[in-house]
């Protein structure tokens, strides 16, 4: 399943990526952080920031701990959609949850701020 979700991020099939997470659960397979990260990235590449943030929230509700890749992908989704305030909020959330932002996290947040009008 993870390979299919990863392929979705490369082909702008963000809805299919989310569908695969649902299908995993229907087959009594719990999605992993990697599964969610790939789906969040698929949403980010399609500029679907709301879906990306919903997935990030679902990870936490499913007892998974988002990592730097999870947050960076969500920040990227905010960057592409001019959601600079949400991008900055995610940086703050990361730090509050002891997830250390990296160059990708900061770069996407800075880029999102550069797009603000």
N, C-alpha and C. Protein backbone atom coordinates (compact mmCIF):
# COMPACT_ATOMS: atom_id res chain seq x y z
N UNK A 1 0.82 -1.20 0.00
CA UNK A 1 0.00 0.00 0.00
C UNK A 1 0.86 1.27 0.00
N UNK A 2 1.95 1.24 0.77
CA UNK A 2 2.79 2.44 0.83
C UNK A 2 3.36 2.80 -0.53
N UNK A 3 3.72 1.79 -1.32
CA UNK A 3 4.26 2.06 -2.65
C UNK A 3 3.21 2.72 -3.55
N UNK A 4 1.97 2.28 -3.43
CA UNK A 4 0.90 2.86 -4.24
C UNK A 4 0.64 4.30 -3.80
N UNK A 5 0.61 4.53 -2.49
CA UNK A 5 0.40 5.89 -1.99
C UNK A 5 1.53 6.79 -2.45
N UNK A 6 2.75 6.28 -2.40
CA UNK A 6 3.91 7.06 -2.86
C UNK A 6 3.78 7.38 -4.35
N UNK A 7 3.31 6.43 -5.13
CA UNK A 7 3.12 6.68 -6.56
C UNK A 7 2.06 7.76 -6.79
N UNK A 8 1.07 7.82 -5.91
CA UNK A 8 0.02 8.84 -6.03
C UNK A 8 0.59 10.25 -5.89
N UNK A 9 1.60 10.40 -5.04
CA UNK A 9 2.15 11.74 -4.86
C UNK A 9 2.89 12.20 -6.10
N UNK A 10 3.33 11.29 -6.91
CA UNK A 10 4.06 11.66 -8.12
C UNK A 10 3.13 11.89 -9.30
N UNK A 11 1.89 11.45 -9.17
CA UNK A 11 0.98 11.56 -10.31
C UNK A 11 -0.23 12.45 -10.04
N UNK A 12 -0.16 13.28 -9.01
CA UNK A 12 -1.24 14.21 -8.67
C UNK A 12 -2.55 13.48 -8.38
N UNK A 13 -2.44 12.29 -7.80
CA UNK A 13 -3.63 11.50 -7.47
C UNK A 13 -3.86 11.55 -5.96
N UNK A 14 -4.02 12.75 -5.43
CA UNK A 14 -4.14 12.93 -3.99
C UNK A 14 -5.38 12.25 -3.41
N UNK A 15 -6.48 12.25 -4.16
CA UNK A 15 -7.69 11.57 -3.67
C UNK A 15 -7.47 10.07 -3.57
N UNK A 16 -6.75 9.54 -4.51
CA UNK A 16 -6.45 8.09 -4.48
C UNK A 16 -5.56 7.77 -3.29
N UNK A 17 -4.62 8.64 -2.98
CA UNK A 17 -3.74 8.42 -1.82
C UNK A 17 -4.55 8.35 -0.54
N UNK A 18 -5.50 9.27 -0.39
CA UNK A 18 -6.36 9.27 0.79
C UNK A 18 -7.23 8.01 0.79
N UNK A 19 -7.71 7.64 -0.36
CA UNK A 19 -8.51 6.42 -0.49
C UNK A 19 -7.75 5.17 -0.09
N UNK A 20 -6.48 5.16 -0.37
CA UNK A 20 -5.65 4.00 0.00
C UNK A 20 -5.54 3.87 1.52
N UNK A 21 -5.48 5.00 2.22
CA UNK A 21 -5.45 4.96 3.69
C UNK A 21 -6.73 4.33 4.22
N UNK A 22 -7.86 4.71 3.63
CA UNK A 22 -9.15 4.14 4.02
C UNK A 22 -9.19 2.65 3.71
N UNK A 23 -8.70 2.29 2.55
CA UNK A 23 -8.70 0.89 2.16
C UNK A 23 -7.82 0.05 3.09
N UNK A 24 -6.71 0.61 3.52
CA UNK A 24 -5.86 -0.11 4.46
C UNK A 24 -6.63 -0.43 5.73
N UNK A 25 -7.36 0.55 6.25
CA UNK A 25 -8.13 0.34 7.48
C UNK A 25 -9.24 -0.69 7.27
N UNK A 26 -9.86 -0.66 6.09
CA UNK A 26 -10.92 -1.62 5.79
C UNK A 26 -10.39 -3.05 5.76
N UNK A 27 -9.12 -3.19 5.44
CA UNK A 27 -8.49 -4.51 5.39
C UNK A 27 -7.77 -4.85 6.70
N UNK A 28 -8.12 -4.11 7.74
CA UNK A 28 -7.54 -4.33 9.08
C UNK A 28 -6.03 -4.11 9.10
N UNK A 29 -5.56 -3.20 8.26
CA UNK A 29 -4.16 -2.83 8.25
C UNK A 29 -4.07 -1.38 8.70
N UNK A 30 -3.30 -1.11 9.71
CA UNK A 30 -3.17 0.27 10.19
C UNK A 30 -2.13 1.03 9.36
N UNK A 31 -2.51 2.18 8.82
CA UNK A 31 -1.53 3.00 8.10
C UNK A 31 -0.40 3.42 9.06
N UNK A 32 0.78 3.53 8.53
CA UNK A 32 1.95 3.93 9.31
C UNK A 32 2.23 5.41 9.09
N UNK A 33 3.20 5.92 9.79
CA UNK A 33 3.63 7.30 9.58
C UNK A 33 4.05 7.48 8.12
N UNK A 34 4.73 6.49 7.57
CA UNK A 34 5.16 6.56 6.17
C UNK A 34 3.95 6.66 5.24
N UNK A 35 2.91 5.88 5.52
CA UNK A 35 1.69 5.93 4.71
C UNK A 35 1.10 7.34 4.71
N UNK A 36 0.95 7.89 5.92
CA UNK A 36 0.40 9.23 6.05
C UNK A 36 1.31 10.28 5.41
N UNK A 37 2.61 10.16 5.61
CA UNK A 37 3.53 11.14 5.03
C UNK A 37 3.40 11.19 3.52
N UNK A 38 3.27 10.02 2.91
CA UNK A 38 3.12 9.97 1.45
C UNK A 38 1.82 10.62 1.01
N UNK A 39 0.75 10.38 1.76
CA UNK A 39 -0.54 10.97 1.42
C UNK A 39 -0.53 12.48 1.63
N UNK A 40 0.09 12.94 2.72
CA UNK A 40 0.20 14.38 2.96
C UNK A 40 1.00 15.03 1.83
N UNK A 41 2.07 14.39 1.42
CA UNK A 41 2.88 14.92 0.32
C UNK A 41 2.08 14.97 -0.98
N UNK A 42 1.26 13.95 -1.23
CA UNK A 42 0.41 13.95 -2.43
C UNK A 42 -0.54 15.15 -2.39
N UNK A 43 -1.11 15.42 -1.22
CA UNK A 43 -1.99 16.58 -1.07
C UNK A 43 -1.22 17.88 -1.28
N UNK A 44 -0.02 17.95 -0.74
CA UNK A 44 0.80 19.16 -0.88
C UNK A 44 1.11 19.43 -2.35
N UNK A 45 1.45 18.41 -3.08
CA UNK A 45 1.80 18.60 -4.49
C UNK A 45 0.60 19.02 -5.33
N UNK A 46 -0.60 18.70 -4.83
CA UNK A 46 -1.82 19.10 -5.54
C UNK A 46 -2.40 20.40 -4.98
N UNK A 47 -1.65 21.05 -4.07
CA UNK A 47 -2.10 22.30 -3.43
C UNK A 47 -3.42 22.11 -2.67
N UNK A 48 -3.57 20.97 -2.03
CA UNK A 48 -4.75 20.67 -1.23
C UNK A 48 -4.37 20.76 0.25
N UNK A 49 -4.18 22.00 0.71
CA UNK A 49 -3.69 22.21 2.07
C UNK A 49 -4.67 21.72 3.12
N UNK A 50 -5.97 21.88 2.87
CA UNK A 50 -6.96 21.44 3.86
C UNK A 50 -6.89 19.92 4.06
N UNK A 51 -6.79 19.20 2.97
CA UNK A 51 -6.70 17.74 3.06
C UNK A 51 -5.41 17.33 3.77
N UNK A 52 -4.32 18.03 3.47
CA UNK A 52 -3.04 17.73 4.12
C UNK A 52 -3.14 17.92 5.63
N UNK A 53 -3.76 19.02 6.06
CA UNK A 53 -3.89 19.28 7.49
C UNK A 53 -4.85 18.30 8.16
N UNK A 54 -5.88 17.87 7.44
CA UNK A 54 -6.79 16.86 7.98
C UNK A 54 -6.05 15.54 8.20
N UNK A 55 -5.19 15.19 7.27
CA UNK A 55 -4.41 13.95 7.43
C UNK A 55 -3.45 14.06 8.61
N UNK A 56 -2.84 15.21 8.76
CA UNK A 56 -1.93 15.42 9.89
C UNK A 56 -2.70 15.24 11.21
N UNK A 57 -3.89 15.78 11.26
CA UNK A 57 -4.74 15.64 12.44
C UNK A 57 -5.15 14.19 12.65
N UNK A 58 -5.49 13.51 11.57
CA UNK A 58 -5.89 12.10 11.66
C UNK A 58 -4.76 11.22 12.19
N UNK A 59 -3.53 11.57 11.83
CA UNK A 59 -2.38 10.81 12.35
C UNK A 59 -2.39 10.84 13.87
N UNK A 60 -2.56 12.03 14.40
CA UNK A 60 -2.53 12.20 15.85
C UNK A 60 -3.71 11.50 16.50
N UNK A 61 -4.87 11.56 15.85
CA UNK A 61 -6.05 10.87 16.37
C UNK A 61 -5.90 9.36 16.32
N UNK A 62 -5.08 8.89 15.40
CA UNK A 62 -4.83 7.46 15.27
C UNK A 62 -3.64 6.98 16.07
N UNK A 63 -3.19 7.80 16.98
CA UNK A 63 -2.09 7.47 17.89
C UNK A 63 -0.73 7.39 17.21
N UNK A 64 -0.61 8.00 16.04
CA UNK A 64 0.70 8.08 15.38
C UNK A 64 1.31 9.43 15.69
N UNK A 65 2.60 9.46 15.83
CA UNK A 65 3.30 10.72 16.08
C UNK A 65 3.87 11.27 14.78
N UNK A 66 3.33 12.39 14.31
CA UNK A 66 3.90 13.00 13.11
C UNK A 66 5.37 13.35 13.34
N UNK A 67 6.18 13.18 12.32
CA UNK A 67 7.60 13.50 12.42
C UNK A 67 7.90 14.73 11.57
N UNK A 68 9.17 15.05 11.46
CA UNK A 68 9.57 16.25 10.71
C UNK A 68 9.10 16.18 9.26
N UNK A 69 9.07 14.98 8.70
CA UNK A 69 8.61 14.83 7.31
C UNK A 69 7.11 15.13 7.23
N UNK A 70 6.35 14.66 8.20
CA UNK A 70 4.90 14.90 8.23
C UNK A 70 4.62 16.40 8.24
N UNK A 71 5.25 17.08 9.19
CA UNK A 71 5.02 18.52 9.33
C UNK A 71 5.56 19.29 8.12
N UNK A 72 6.71 18.91 7.63
CA UNK A 72 7.28 19.62 6.47
C UNK A 72 6.38 19.50 5.25
N UNK A 73 5.81 18.31 5.04
CA UNK A 73 4.90 18.12 3.92
C UNK A 73 3.65 18.99 4.08
N UNK A 74 3.14 19.07 5.30
CA UNK A 74 1.97 19.90 5.56
C UNK A 74 2.30 21.39 5.37
N UNK A 75 3.49 21.79 5.81
CA UNK A 75 3.91 23.18 5.60
C UNK A 75 4.05 23.46 4.11
N UNK A 76 4.56 22.50 3.35
CA UNK A 76 4.66 22.65 1.90
C UNK A 76 3.28 22.85 1.28
N UNK A 77 2.28 22.14 1.80
CA UNK A 77 0.92 22.29 1.28
C UNK A 77 0.43 23.71 1.54
N UNK A 78 0.76 24.25 2.70
CA UNK A 78 0.37 25.62 3.03
C UNK A 78 1.11 26.63 2.16
N UNK A 79 2.35 26.34 1.85
CA UNK A 79 3.15 27.22 0.98
C UNK A 79 2.51 27.34 -0.38
N UNK A 80 2.18 26.23 -0.98
CA UNK A 80 1.61 26.25 -2.33
C UNK A 80 0.24 26.90 -2.39
N UNK A 81 -0.41 27.02 -1.26
CA UNK A 81 -1.77 27.56 -1.22
C UNK A 81 -1.86 28.92 -0.53
N UNK A 82 -0.71 29.54 -0.34
CA UNK A 82 -0.64 30.87 0.27
C UNK A 82 -1.26 30.93 1.67
N UNK A 83 -1.07 29.88 2.42
CA UNK A 83 -1.58 29.80 3.79
C UNK A 83 -0.41 30.03 4.75
N UNK A 84 0.19 31.19 4.69
CA UNK A 84 1.41 31.47 5.45
C UNK A 84 1.18 31.42 6.96
N UNK A 85 0.01 31.87 7.41
CA UNK A 85 -0.24 31.84 8.86
C UNK A 85 -0.31 30.40 9.37
N UNK A 86 -0.91 29.52 8.58
CA UNK A 86 -0.98 28.11 8.96
C UNK A 86 0.41 27.48 8.94
N UNK A 87 1.21 27.88 7.96
CA UNK A 87 2.58 27.36 7.88
C UNK A 87 3.37 27.73 9.14
N UNK A 88 3.26 28.98 9.54
CA UNK A 88 3.96 29.42 10.75
C UNK A 88 3.41 28.73 11.99
N UNK A 89 2.10 28.52 12.02
CA UNK A 89 1.50 27.80 13.14
C UNK A 89 2.04 26.38 13.23
N UNK A 90 2.19 25.72 12.09
CA UNK A 90 2.73 24.36 12.10
C UNK A 90 4.16 24.32 12.63
N UNK A 91 4.95 25.32 12.30
CA UNK A 91 6.30 25.39 12.87
C UNK A 91 6.24 25.47 14.39
N UNK A 92 5.33 26.27 14.88
CA UNK A 92 5.16 26.41 16.33
C UNK A 92 4.69 25.11 16.96
N UNK A 93 3.74 24.45 16.31
CA UNK A 93 3.24 23.17 16.82
C UNK A 93 4.36 22.14 16.87
N UNK A 94 5.16 22.10 15.82
CA UNK A 94 6.29 21.17 15.78
C UNK A 94 7.17 21.35 17.02
N UNK A 95 7.55 22.57 17.25
CA UNK A 95 8.46 22.86 18.35
C UNK A 95 7.81 22.51 19.69
N UNK A 96 6.51 22.76 19.80
CA UNK A 96 5.80 22.43 21.02
C UNK A 96 5.70 20.93 21.26
N UNK A 97 5.82 20.15 20.20
CA UNK A 97 5.75 18.70 20.31
C UNK A 97 7.13 18.05 20.21
N UNK A 98 8.15 18.86 20.39
CA UNK A 98 9.54 18.38 20.38
C UNK A 98 9.94 17.73 19.06
N UNK A 99 9.36 18.23 17.96
CA UNK A 99 9.77 17.79 16.63
C UNK A 99 10.60 18.94 16.07
N UNK A 100 11.84 18.67 15.81
CA UNK A 100 12.77 19.72 15.40
C UNK A 100 12.63 20.03 13.91
N UNK A 101 12.24 21.28 13.59
CA UNK A 101 12.15 21.66 12.18
C UNK A 101 13.53 21.56 11.50
N UNK A 102 13.51 21.27 10.21
CA UNK A 102 14.75 21.20 9.45
C UNK A 102 14.72 22.25 8.33
N UNK A 103 15.69 22.19 7.46
CA UNK A 103 15.80 23.17 6.38
C UNK A 103 14.56 23.16 5.48
N UNK A 104 13.99 22.00 5.25
CA UNK A 104 12.79 21.91 4.42
C UNK A 104 11.62 22.61 5.11
N UNK A 105 11.47 22.35 6.40
CA UNK A 105 10.38 22.97 7.18
C UNK A 105 10.48 24.49 7.13
N UNK A 106 11.67 24.98 7.46
CA UNK A 106 11.88 26.43 7.47
C UNK A 106 11.76 27.04 6.08
N UNK A 107 12.32 26.35 5.10
CA UNK A 107 12.27 26.86 3.72
C UNK A 107 10.85 26.99 3.20
N UNK A 108 10.01 25.99 3.48
CA UNK A 108 8.62 26.05 3.04
C UNK A 108 7.86 27.16 3.76
N UNK A 109 8.14 27.32 5.06
CA UNK A 109 7.47 28.38 5.82
C UNK A 109 7.90 29.76 5.31
N UNK A 110 9.18 29.92 5.04
CA UNK A 110 9.67 31.20 4.51
C UNK A 110 9.06 31.48 3.14
N UNK A 111 8.99 30.44 2.31
CA UNK A 111 8.39 30.59 0.99
C UNK A 111 6.92 30.99 1.11
N UNK A 112 6.21 30.37 2.06
CA UNK A 112 4.79 30.71 2.26
C UNK A 112 4.65 32.18 2.66
N UNK A 113 5.54 32.64 3.53
CA UNK A 113 5.51 34.04 3.95
C UNK A 113 5.81 34.97 2.79
N UNK A 114 6.69 34.53 1.90
CA UNK A 114 7.03 35.34 0.74
C UNK A 114 5.88 35.49 -0.23
N UNK A 115 4.92 34.60 -0.15
CA UNK A 115 3.76 34.66 -1.04
C UNK A 115 2.62 35.50 -0.49
N UNK A 116 2.72 35.88 0.77
CA UNK A 116 1.62 36.62 1.38
C UNK A 116 1.49 38.00 0.74
N UNK A 117 0.28 38.48 0.75
CA UNK A 117 0.01 39.76 0.08
C UNK A 117 -0.49 40.76 1.06
